[in-house]
Amino acid sequence: MISQALGLLLTGTLLGLVSGVYRNAMVSEDAAQTAARAYFLIDTISHWISQTEGLMGQPASDQPFSDPCETPERMPMSLARPGIVLINVATVPCVGLEGVGLEATKIPLTALLLDRRWICNGQCKGPGFYAFIPACSSLEPTVLWRASPAPPEGCEGGDTVYQIQRSIIYSRPYSWRVDDGLPAIMLREQATEPDARWLRSSMLAPEIVDWQIDCVAGCAQGSQGASSLWGYKLRFFAQGRHLSQLVERTVALSAKFHE
């Protein structure tokens, strides 16, 4: 009887130890996956924000920016300033959250509108929006839609060519099902066509809560500001089964004006 009782006690102890080890392993795996998802998201968005930096030697345009849904040709951002604007998803129809019931979901309404700019150096191909610097003429806009990165015939400028991709990063109130209550960070890009058309959104990361974007320098001065340093602070929690991962980062950008 004593040996049986001891056997049962040892068996129960071993089962408890195995169960605890298994649970600790599950918690560790979940924490690693959650951290990987969080840092993938912050690294990706930080990189894209860095691609919006102001271009060298451009004049500061005073043209107001009023329609985030339009193309970079019809509604350009100043090329001297970073190509980034904070927008309200409730008032911008091209985000595509109509009918979601934003007031009831209480998701963050601030989103990032980005004009990512990269120099071609002979690597750009196909149709898209291109910035020709210097502009082809004083009567031509600097940003044009073109079937290829080649400047228009008779262009007197265009020594340097940048490609521009307009996109929106925003928080959606669900990840997998409309009613799952797990916010996701989404990317929506504008098609490389002469008229404004937005492609279907793709998910950057699921289960991201408390999404916050704040302007911390330069950008707070609005479209007329001439600060040379801009900064945006990103902050969010990546939600896991057992633990959540807080991530926050400030990304600094430069604006470049004529002296």
C-alpha atoms as a PDB file:
ATOM      1  CA  MET A   1       0.000   0.000   0.000  1.00  0.00           C
ATOM      2  CA  ILE A   2       2.800   2.394   0.910  1.00  0.00           C
ATOM      3  CA  SER A   3       4.659   1.638  -2.337  1.00  0.00           C
ATOM      4  CA  GLN A   4       1.494   2.227  -4.366  1.00  0.00           C
ATOM      5  CA  ALA A   5       0.871   5.543  -2.643  1.00  0.00           C
ATOM      6  CA  LEU A   6       4.455   6.603  -3.267  1.00  0.00           C
ATOM      7  CA  GLY A   7       4.145   5.531  -6.890  1.00  0.00           C
ATOM      8  CA  LEU A   8       1.004   7.580  -7.339  1.00  0.00           C
ATOM      9  CA  LEU A   9       2.641  10.554  -5.645  1.00  0.00           C
ATOM     10  CA  LEU A  10       5.697  10.351  -7.871  1.00  0.00           C
ATOM     11  CA  THR A  11       3.548   9.941 -10.972  1.00  0.00           C
ATOM     12  CA  GLY A  12       1.481  12.998 -10.054  1.00  0.00           C
ATOM     13  CA  THR A  13       4.632  15.005  -9.369  1.00  0.00           C
ATOM     14  CA  LEU A  14       6.156  14.021 -12.701  1.00  0.00           C
ATOM     15  CA  LEU A  15       2.956  14.856 -14.573  1.00  0.00           C
ATOM     16  CA  GLY A  16       2.867  18.250 -12.878  1.00  0.00           C
ATOM     17  CA  LEU A  17       6.498  18.897 -13.814  1.00  0.00           C
ATOM     18  CA  VAL A  18       5.924  17.843 -17.444  1.00  0.00           C
ATOM     19  CA  SER A  19       2.791  19.961 -17.637  1.00  0.00           C
ATOM     20  CA  GLY A  20       4.652  22.976 -16.232  1.00  0.00           C
ATOM     21  CA  VAL A  21       7.558  22.537 -18.642  1.00  0.00           C
ATOM     22  CA  TYR A  22       5.141  22.206 -21.558  1.00  0.00           C
ATOM     23  CA  ARG A  23       3.244  25.339 -20.530  1.00  0.00           C
ATOM     24  CA  ASN A  24       6.475  27.314 -20.083  1.00  0.00           C
ATOM     25  CA  ALA A  25       7.606  26.201 -23.527  1.00  0.00           C
ATOM     26  CA  MET A  26       4.285  27.304 -25.044  1.00  0.00           C
ATOM     27  CA  VAL A  27       4.530  30.688 -23.306  1.00  0.00           C
ATOM     28  CA  SER A  28       8.116  31.156 -24.515  1.00  0.00           C
ATOM     29  CA  GLU A  29       7.210  30.204 -28.085  1.00  0.00           C
ATOM     30  CA  ASP A  30       4.231  32.556 -28.060  1.00  0.00           C
ATOM     31  CA  ALA A  31       6.380  35.386 -26.670  1.00  0.00           C
ATOM     32  CA  ALA A  32       8.989  34.842 -29.402  1.00  0.00           C
ATOM     33  CA  GLN A  33       6.370  34.817 -32.164  1.00  0.00           C
ATOM     34  CA  THR A  34       4.665  37.916 -30.763  1.00  0.00           C
ATOM     35  CA  ALA A  35       7.960  39.801 -30.518  1.00  0.00           C
ATOM     36  CA  ALA A  36       8.893  38.778 -34.080  1.00  0.00           C
ATOM     37  CA  ARG A  37       5.541  40.046 -35.382  1.00  0.00           C
ATOM     38  CA  ALA A  38       5.888  43.317 -33.477  1.00  0.00           C
ATOM     39  CA  TYR A  39       9.427  44.062 -34.644  1.00  0.00           C
ATOM     40  CA  PHE A  40       8.712  43.025 -38.223  1.00  0.00           C
ATOM     41  CA  LEU A  41       5.907  45.588 -38.281  1.00  0.00           C
ATOM     42  CA  ILE A  42       7.866  48.432 -36.679  1.00  0.00           C
ATOM     43  CA  ASP A  43      10.920  47.761 -38.876  1.00  0.00           C
ATOM     44  CA  THR A  44       8.840  47.646 -42.060  1.00  0.00           C
ATOM     45  CA  ILE A  45       6.922  50.846 -41.320  1.00  0.00           C
ATOM     46  CA  SER A  46      10.105  52.641 -40.194  1.00  0.00           C
ATOM     47  CA  HIS A  47      11.801  51.696 -43.465  1.00  0.00           C
ATOM     48  CA  TRP A  48       8.862  52.925 -45.538  1.00  0.00           C
ATOM     49  CA  ILE A  49       8.742  56.185 -43.592  1.00  0.00           C
ATOM     50  CA  SER A  50      12.463  56.661 -44.246  1.00  0.00           C
ATOM     51  CA  GLN A  51      11.730  56.394 -47.994  1.00  0.00           C
ATOM     52  CA  THR A  52       9.578  59.549 -47.809  1.00  0.00           C
ATOM     53  CA  GLU A  53      12.466  61.929 -47.044  1.00  0.00           C
ATOM     54  CA  GLY A  54      12.544  65.310 -48.742  1.00  0.00           C
ATOM     55  CA  LEU A  55      14.496  65.456 -52.000  1.00  0.00           C
ATOM     56  CA  MET A  56      17.619  67.563 -52.268  1.00  0.00           C
ATOM     57  CA  GLY A  57      17.391  71.170 -53.407  1.00  0.00           C
ATOM     58  CA  GLN A  58      13.642  71.409 -53.936  1.00  0.00           C
ATOM     59  CA  PRO A  59      11.690  74.623 -53.306  1.00  0.00           C
ATOM     60  CA  ALA A  60       9.089  74.537 -50.533  1.00  0.00           C
ATOM     61  CA  SER A  61       5.715  74.414 -52.287  1.00  0.00           C
ATOM     62  CA  ASP A  62       2.825  76.335 -50.732  1.00  0.00           C
ATOM     63  CA  GLN A  63       0.175  74.288 -52.532  1.00  0.00           C
ATOM     64  CA  PRO A  64      -2.272  72.951 -49.916  1.00  0.00           C
ATOM     65  CA  PHE A  65      -2.685  69.190 -49.694  1.00  0.00           C
ATOM     66  CA  SER A  66      -6.410  68.486 -49.545  1.00  0.00           C
ATOM     67  CA  ASP A  67      -7.255  65.141 -51.189  1.00  0.00           C
ATOM     68  CA  PRO A  68      -5.319  62.086 -49.972  1.00  0.00           C
ATOM     69  CA  CYS A  69      -7.174  59.830 -52.411  1.00  0.00           C
ATOM     70  CA  GLU A  70      -5.869  61.587 -55.536  1.00  0.00           C
ATOM     71  CA  THR A  71      -2.699  60.693 -57.429  1.00  0.00           C
ATOM     72  CA  PRO A  72       0.753  62.180 -56.766  1.00  0.00           C
ATOM     73  CA  GLU A  73       0.421  64.037 -60.080  1.00  0.00           C
ATOM     74  CA  ARG A  74      -2.960  65.674 -59.425  1.00  0.00           C
ATOM     75  CA  MET A  75      -2.432  66.180 -55.697  1.00  0.00           C
ATOM     76  CA  PRO A  76       1.336  66.263 -55.120  1.00  0.00           C
ATOM     77  CA  MET A  77       3.097  66.578 -51.818  1.00  0.00           C
ATOM     78  CA  SER A  78       5.954  69.050 -51.670  1.00  0.00           C
ATOM     79  CA  LEU A  79       9.076  67.200 -52.766  1.00  0.00           C
ATOM     80  CA  ALA A  80      11.149  69.297 -50.385  1.00  0.00           C
ATOM     81  CA  ARG A  81       9.242  67.957 -47.382  1.00  0.00           C
ATOM     82  CA  PRO A  82       8.879  64.346 -46.298  1.00  0.00           C
ATOM     83  CA  GLY A  83       6.099  62.668 -48.255  1.00  0.00           C
ATOM     84  CA  ILE A  84       3.997  61.773 -45.249  1.00  0.00           C
ATOM     85  CA  VAL A  85       0.673  63.062 -43.943  1.00  0.00           C
ATOM     86  CA  LEU A  86      -1.406  61.966 -40.953  1.00  0.00           C
ATOM     87  CA  ILE A  87      -5.001  61.389 -42.061  1.00  0.00           C
ATOM     88  CA  ASN A  88      -8.295  60.480 -40.399  1.00  0.00           C
ATOM     89  CA  VAL A  89      -9.642  57.206 -41.792  1.00  0.00           C
ATOM     90  CA  ALA A  90     -13.213  58.246 -40.991  1.00  0.00           C
ATOM     91  CA  THR A  91     -13.023  61.125 -43.479  1.00  0.00           C
ATOM     92  CA  VAL A  92     -10.919  59.528 -46.244  1.00  0.00           C
ATOM     93  CA  PRO A  93     -13.091  57.251 -48.396  1.00  0.00           C
ATOM     94  CA  CYS A  94     -10.246  55.501 -50.234  1.00  0.00           C
ATOM     95  CA  VAL A  95      -9.198  53.774 -46.989  1.00  0.00           C
ATOM     96  CA  GLY A  96     -12.280  51.585 -47.453  1.00  0.00           C
ATOM     97  CA  LEU A  97     -13.659  51.415 -43.920  1.00  0.00           C
ATOM     98  CA  GLU A  98     -17.139  52.641 -44.793  1.00  0.00           C
ATOM     99  CA  GLY A  99     -19.858  50.679 -43.029  1.00  0.00           C
ATOM    100  CA  VAL A 100     -17.495  49.163 -40.475  1.00  0.00           C
ATOM    101  CA  GLY A 101     -18.943  51.184 -37.604  1.00  0.00           C
ATOM    102  CA  LEU A 102     -15.793  52.958 -36.499  1.00  0.00           C
ATOM    103  CA  GLU A 103     -17.466  54.683 -33.555  1.00  0.00           C
ATOM    104  CA  ALA A 104     -18.513  51.354 -32.043  1.00  0.00           C
ATOM    105  CA  THR A 105     -15.141  49.670 -32.574  1.00  0.00           C
ATOM    106  CA  LYS A 106     -13.141  52.491 -30.971  1.00  0.00           C
ATOM    107  CA  ILE A 107     -10.124  51.757 -33.178  1.00  0.00           C
ATOM    108  CA  PRO A 108      -7.524  54.498 -33.718  1.00  0.00           C
ATOM    109  CA  LEU A 109      -8.594  56.778 -36.562  1.00  0.00           C
ATOM    110  CA  THR A 110      -5.141  58.163 -37.382  1.00  0.00           C
ATOM    111  CA  ALA A 111      -3.443  56.625 -40.408  1.00  0.00           C
ATOM    112  CA  LEU A 112      -0.255  57.240 -42.380  1.00  0.00           C
ATOM    113  CA  LEU A 113      -0.447  58.455 -45.962  1.00  0.00           C
ATOM    114  CA  LEU A 114       2.961  57.879 -47.535  1.00  0.00           C
ATOM    115  CA  ASP A 115       4.581  58.987 -50.780  1.00  0.00           C
ATOM    116  CA  ARG A 116       7.581  56.656 -50.878  1.00  0.00           C
ATOM    117  CA  ARG A 117      10.293  57.979 -53.183  1.00  0.00           C
ATOM    118  CA  TRP A 118      13.278  56.114 -54.550  1.00  0.00           C
ATOM    119  CA  ILE A 119      15.828  57.151 -57.121  1.00  0.00           C
ATOM    120  CA  CYS A 120      15.666  55.122 -60.314  1.00  0.00           C
ATOM    121  CA  ASN A 121      19.286  55.064 -61.520  1.00  0.00           C
ATOM    122  CA  GLY A 122      18.119  52.990 -64.475  1.00  0.00           C
ATOM    123  CA  GLN A 123      16.369  50.416 -62.247  1.00  0.00           C
ATOM    124  CA  CYS A 124      12.746  51.607 -62.546  1.00  0.00           C
ATOM    125  CA  LYS A 125      10.479  49.930 -65.079  1.00  0.00           C
ATOM    126  CA  GLY A 126       6.922  50.175 -66.316  1.00  0.00           C
ATOM    127  CA  PRO A 127       4.120  52.685 -65.697  1.00  0.00           C
ATOM    128  CA  GLY A 128       3.942  54.795 -62.599  1.00  0.00           C
ATOM    129  CA  PHE A 129       4.405  58.243 -61.127  1.00  0.00           C
ATOM    130  CA  TYR A 130       7.826  59.747 -61.640  1.00  0.00           C
ATOM    131  CA  ALA A 131       9.423  62.917 -60.352  1.00  0.00           C
ATOM    132  CA  PHE A 132      11.681  64.531 -62.956  1.00  0.00           C
ATOM    133  CA  ILE A 133      14.271  66.814 -61.362  1.00  0.00           C
ATOM    134  CA  PRO A 134      14.661  69.481 -62.503  1.00  0.00           C
ATOM    135  CA  ALA A 135      11.131  69.737 -63.899  1.00  0.00           C
ATOM    136  CA  CYS A 136      10.787  69.458 -67.667  1.00  0.00           C
ATOM    137  CA  SER A 137       9.656  73.084 -67.833  1.00  0.00           C
ATOM    138  CA  SER A 138       8.277  75.803 -65.608  1.00  0.00           C
ATOM    139  CA  LEU A 139       4.797  74.960 -66.933  1.00  0.00           C
ATOM    140  CA  GLU A 140       5.034  71.231 -66.211  1.00  0.00           C
ATOM    141  CA  PRO A 141       4.513  69.650 -62.777  1.00  0.00           C
ATOM    142  CA  THR A 142       7.549  67.897 -61.362  1.00  0.00           C
ATOM    143  CA  VAL A 143       5.594  64.641 -60.830  1.00  0.00           C
ATOM    144  CA  LEU A 144       4.060  63.034 -63.911  1.00  0.00           C
ATOM    145  CA  TRP A 145       2.391  59.746 -64.730  1.00  0.00           C
ATOM    146  CA  ARG A 146       4.420  57.994 -67.383  1.00  0.00           C
ATOM    147  CA  ALA A 147       4.228  54.602 -69.083  1.00  0.00           C
ATOM    148  CA  SER A 148       7.960  54.334 -68.352  1.00  0.00           C
ATOM    149  CA  PRO A 149      10.553  56.371 -66.418  1.00  0.00           C
ATOM    150  CA  ALA A 150      11.646  58.118 -69.615  1.00  0.00           C
ATOM    151  CA  PRO A 151      11.043  61.908 -69.539  1.00  0.00           C
ATOM    152  CA  PRO A 152       8.488  63.337 -71.994  1.00  0.00           C
ATOM    153  CA  GLU A 153       9.732  64.244 -75.444  1.00  0.00           C
ATOM    154  CA  GLY A 154      11.318  67.690 -75.438  1.00  0.00           C
ATOM    155  CA  CYS A 155      11.859  67.651 -71.671  1.00  0.00           C
ATOM    156  CA  GLU A 156      14.466  70.223 -70.706  1.00  0.00           C
ATOM    157  CA  GLY A 157      15.075  68.708 -67.274  1.00  0.00           C
ATOM    158  CA  GLY A 158      14.708  65.237 -65.826  1.00  0.00           C
ATOM    159  CA  ASP A 159      18.402  64.719 -65.088  1.00  0.00           C
ATOM    160  CA  THR A 160      17.379  62.745 -61.996  1.00  0.00           C
ATOM    161  CA  VAL A 161      14.292  60.527 -61.865  1.00  0.00           C
ATOM    162  CA  TYR A 162      12.486  59.283 -58.761  1.00  0.00           C
ATOM    163  CA  GLN A 163       9.592  56.834 -58.665  1.00  0.00           C
ATOM    164  CA  ILE A 164       6.748  57.606 -56.263  1.00  0.00           C
ATOM    165  CA  GLN A 165       4.362  55.087 -54.681  1.00  0.00           C
ATOM    166  CA  ARG A 166       1.398  56.414 -52.678  1.00  0.00           C
ATOM    167  CA  SER A 167       0.050  54.158 -49.934  1.00  0.00           C
ATOM    168  CA  ILE A 168      -1.948  54.199 -46.686  1.00  0.00           C
ATOM    169  CA  ILE A 169      -1.132  52.323 -43.463  1.00  0.00           C
ATOM    170  CA  TYR A 170      -4.079  52.088 -41.080  1.00  0.00           C
ATOM    171  CA  SER A 171      -5.682  50.061 -38.296  1.00  0.00           C
ATOM    172  CA  ARG A 172      -8.663  47.835 -39.165  1.00  0.00           C
ATOM    173  CA  PRO A 173     -10.982  46.688 -36.345  1.00  0.00           C
ATOM    174  CA  TYR A 174     -10.599  42.969 -37.117  1.00  0.00           C
ATOM    175  CA  SER A 175      -7.909  40.507 -38.203  1.00  0.00           C
ATOM    176  CA  TRP A 176      -9.554  37.309 -39.451  1.00  0.00           C
ATOM    177  CA  ARG A 177     -13.316  37.762 -39.087  1.00  0.00           C
ATOM    178  CA  VAL A 178     -15.350  40.955 -39.083  1.00  0.00           C
ATOM    179  CA  ASP A 179     -16.500  40.253 -35.527  1.00  0.00           C
ATOM    180  CA  ASP A 180     -13.287  38.845 -34.000  1.00  0.00           C
ATOM    181  CA  GLY A 181     -12.419  42.124 -32.234  1.00  0.00           C
ATOM    182  CA  LEU A 182      -8.699  41.760 -33.012  1.00  0.00           C
ATOM    183  CA  PRO A 183      -7.405  44.893 -34.774  1.00  0.00           C
ATOM    184  CA  ALA A 184      -4.936  44.476 -37.641  1.00  0.00           C
ATOM    185  CA  ILE A 185      -2.546  46.881 -39.365  1.00  0.00           C
ATOM    186  CA  MET A 186      -3.314  47.125 -43.064  1.00  0.00           C
ATOM    187  CA  LEU A 187      -1.587  48.452 -46.178  1.00  0.00           C
ATOM    188  CA  ARG A 188      -3.472  49.911 -49.130  1.00  0.00           C
ATOM    189  CA  GLU A 189      -1.572  51.027 -52.220  1.00  0.00           C
ATOM    190  CA  GLN A 190      -2.581  53.179 -55.143  1.00  0.00           C
ATOM    191  CA  ALA A 191      -2.437  51.574 -58.575  1.00  0.00           C
ATOM    192  CA  THR A 192       0.217  52.810 -61.000  1.00  0.00           C
ATOM    193  CA  GLU A 193      -2.408  54.230 -63.350  1.00  0.00           C
ATOM    194  CA  PRO A 194      -3.032  57.827 -64.491  1.00  0.00           C
ATOM    195  CA  ASP A 195      -6.407  57.988 -62.699  1.00  0.00           C
ATOM    196  CA  ALA A 196      -6.730  57.383 -58.972  1.00  0.00           C
ATOM    197  CA  ARG A 197      -7.577  53.759 -58.198  1.00  0.00           C
ATOM    198  CA  TRP A 198      -6.730  51.985 -54.961  1.00  0.00           C
ATOM    199  CA  LEU A 199      -5.865  48.293 -54.804  1.00  0.00           C
ATOM    200  CA  ARG A 200      -7.290  45.885 -52.244  1.00  0.00           C
ATOM    201  CA  SER A 201      -5.766  46.157 -48.797  1.00  0.00           C
ATOM    202  CA  SER A 202      -3.281  43.596 -47.542  1.00  0.00           C
ATOM    203  CA  MET A 203      -2.580  42.741 -43.918  1.00  0.00           C
ATOM    204  CA  LEU A 204       0.792  43.761 -42.530  1.00  0.00           C
ATOM    205  CA  ALA A 205       0.264  42.254 -39.073  1.00  0.00           C
ATOM    206  CA  PRO A 206      -2.722  40.801 -37.179  1.00  0.00           C
ATOM    207  CA  GLU A 207      -3.711  41.390 -33.568  1.00  0.00           C
ATOM    208  CA  ILE A 208      -2.136  44.832 -33.129  1.00  0.00           C
ATOM    209  CA  VAL A 209      -3.823  46.971 -30.463  1.00  0.00           C
ATOM    210  CA  ASP A 210      -3.442  50.552 -29.190  1.00  0.00           C
ATOM    211  CA  TRP A 211      -1.998  51.742 -32.526  1.00  0.00           C
ATOM    212  CA  GLN A 212      -0.700  55.295 -32.053  1.00  0.00           C
ATOM    213  CA  ILE A 213       1.041  57.705 -34.423  1.00  0.00           C
ATOM    214  CA  ASP A 214       2.172  61.101 -33.199  1.00  0.00           C
ATOM    215  CA  CYS A 215       4.010  63.953 -34.856  1.00  0.00           C
ATOM    216  CA  VAL A 216       6.879  64.989 -32.600  1.00  0.00           C
ATOM    217  CA  ALA A 217       8.738  67.523 -34.750  1.00  0.00           C
ATOM    218  CA  GLY A 218       8.427  69.616 -37.877  1.00  0.00           C
ATOM    219  CA  CYS A 219       5.266  68.056 -39.233  1.00  0.00           C
ATOM    220  CA  ALA A 220       3.193  69.716 -36.497  1.00  0.00           C
ATOM    221  CA  GLN A 221       3.781  73.026 -38.247  1.00  0.00           C
ATOM    222  CA  GLY A 222       1.480  71.901 -41.070  1.00  0.00           C
ATOM    223  CA  SER A 223       1.889  72.242 -44.808  1.00  0.00           C
ATOM    224  CA  GLN A 224       3.419  75.726 -44.527  1.00  0.00           C
ATOM    225  CA  GLY A 225       6.145  74.698 -42.068  1.00  0.00           C
ATOM    226  CA  ALA A 226       9.773  74.973 -43.124  1.00  0.00           C
ATOM    227  CA  SER A 227      11.430  72.905 -40.385  1.00  0.00           C
ATOM    228  CA  SER A 228      14.361  70.830 -41.630  1.00  0.00           C
ATOM    229  CA  LEU A 229      13.754  67.996 -39.140  1.00  0.00           C
ATOM    230  CA  TRP A 230      10.537  66.005 -38.895  1.00  0.00           C
ATOM    231  CA  GLY A 231       9.750  63.150 -36.549  1.00  0.00           C
ATOM    232  CA  TYR A 232       6.990  60.587 -36.095  1.00  0.00           C
ATOM    233  CA  LYS A 233       6.500  58.369 -33.054  1.00  0.00           C
ATOM    234  CA  LEU A 234       4.925  54.932 -33.525  1.00  0.00           C
ATOM    235  CA  ARG A 235       3.576  52.917 -30.610  1.00  0.00           C
ATOM    236  CA  PHE A 236       1.489  49.739 -30.396  1.00  0.00           C
ATOM    237  CA  PHE A 237       1.027  46.392 -28.642  1.00  0.00           C
ATOM    238  CA  ALA A 238       1.319  43.091 -30.481  1.00  0.00           C
ATOM    239  CA  GLN A 239      -1.184  40.801 -28.766  1.00  0.00           C
ATOM    240  CA  GLY A 240      -0.203  37.192 -28.018  1.00  0.00           C
ATOM    241  CA  ARG A 241      -2.054  34.285 -26.451  1.00  0.00           C
ATOM    242  CA  HIS A 242      -0.206  34.679 -23.168  1.00  0.00           C
ATOM    243  CA  LEU A 243       1.721  37.973 -23.328  1.00  0.00           C
ATOM    244  CA  SER A 244       1.665  41.225 -25.300  1.00  0.00           C
ATOM    245  CA  GLN A 245       4.706  43.026 -26.701  1.00  0.00           C
ATOM    246  CA  LEU A 246       4.909  46.825 -26.486  1.00  0.00           C
ATOM    247  CA  VAL A 247       6.913  48.476 -29.252  1.00  0.00           C
ATOM    248  CA  GLU A 248       7.587  52.180 -29.735  1.00  0.00           C
ATOM    249  CA  ARG A 249       9.997  54.040 -31.972  1.00  0.00           C
ATOM    250  CA  THR A 250      10.581  57.578 -33.217  1.00  0.00           C
ATOM    251  CA  VAL A 251      11.586  57.942 -36.866  1.00  0.00           C
ATOM    252  CA  ALA A 252      13.388  61.146 -37.857  1.00  0.00           C
ATOM    253  CA  LEU A 253      13.192  62.581 -41.375  1.00  0.00           C
ATOM    254  CA  SER A 254      14.839  65.471 -43.181  1.00  0.00           C
ATOM    255  CA  ALA A 255      13.253  68.185 -45.260  1.00  0.00           C
ATOM    256  CA  LYS A 256      15.511  69.822 -47.840  1.00  0.00           C
ATOM    257  CA  PHE A 257      14.786  73.341 -49.020  1.00  0.00           C
ATOM    258  CA  HIS A 258      16.572  75.816 -51.236  1.00  0.00           C
ATOM    259  CA  GLU A 259      18.566  78.236 -49.138  1.00  0.00           C
END
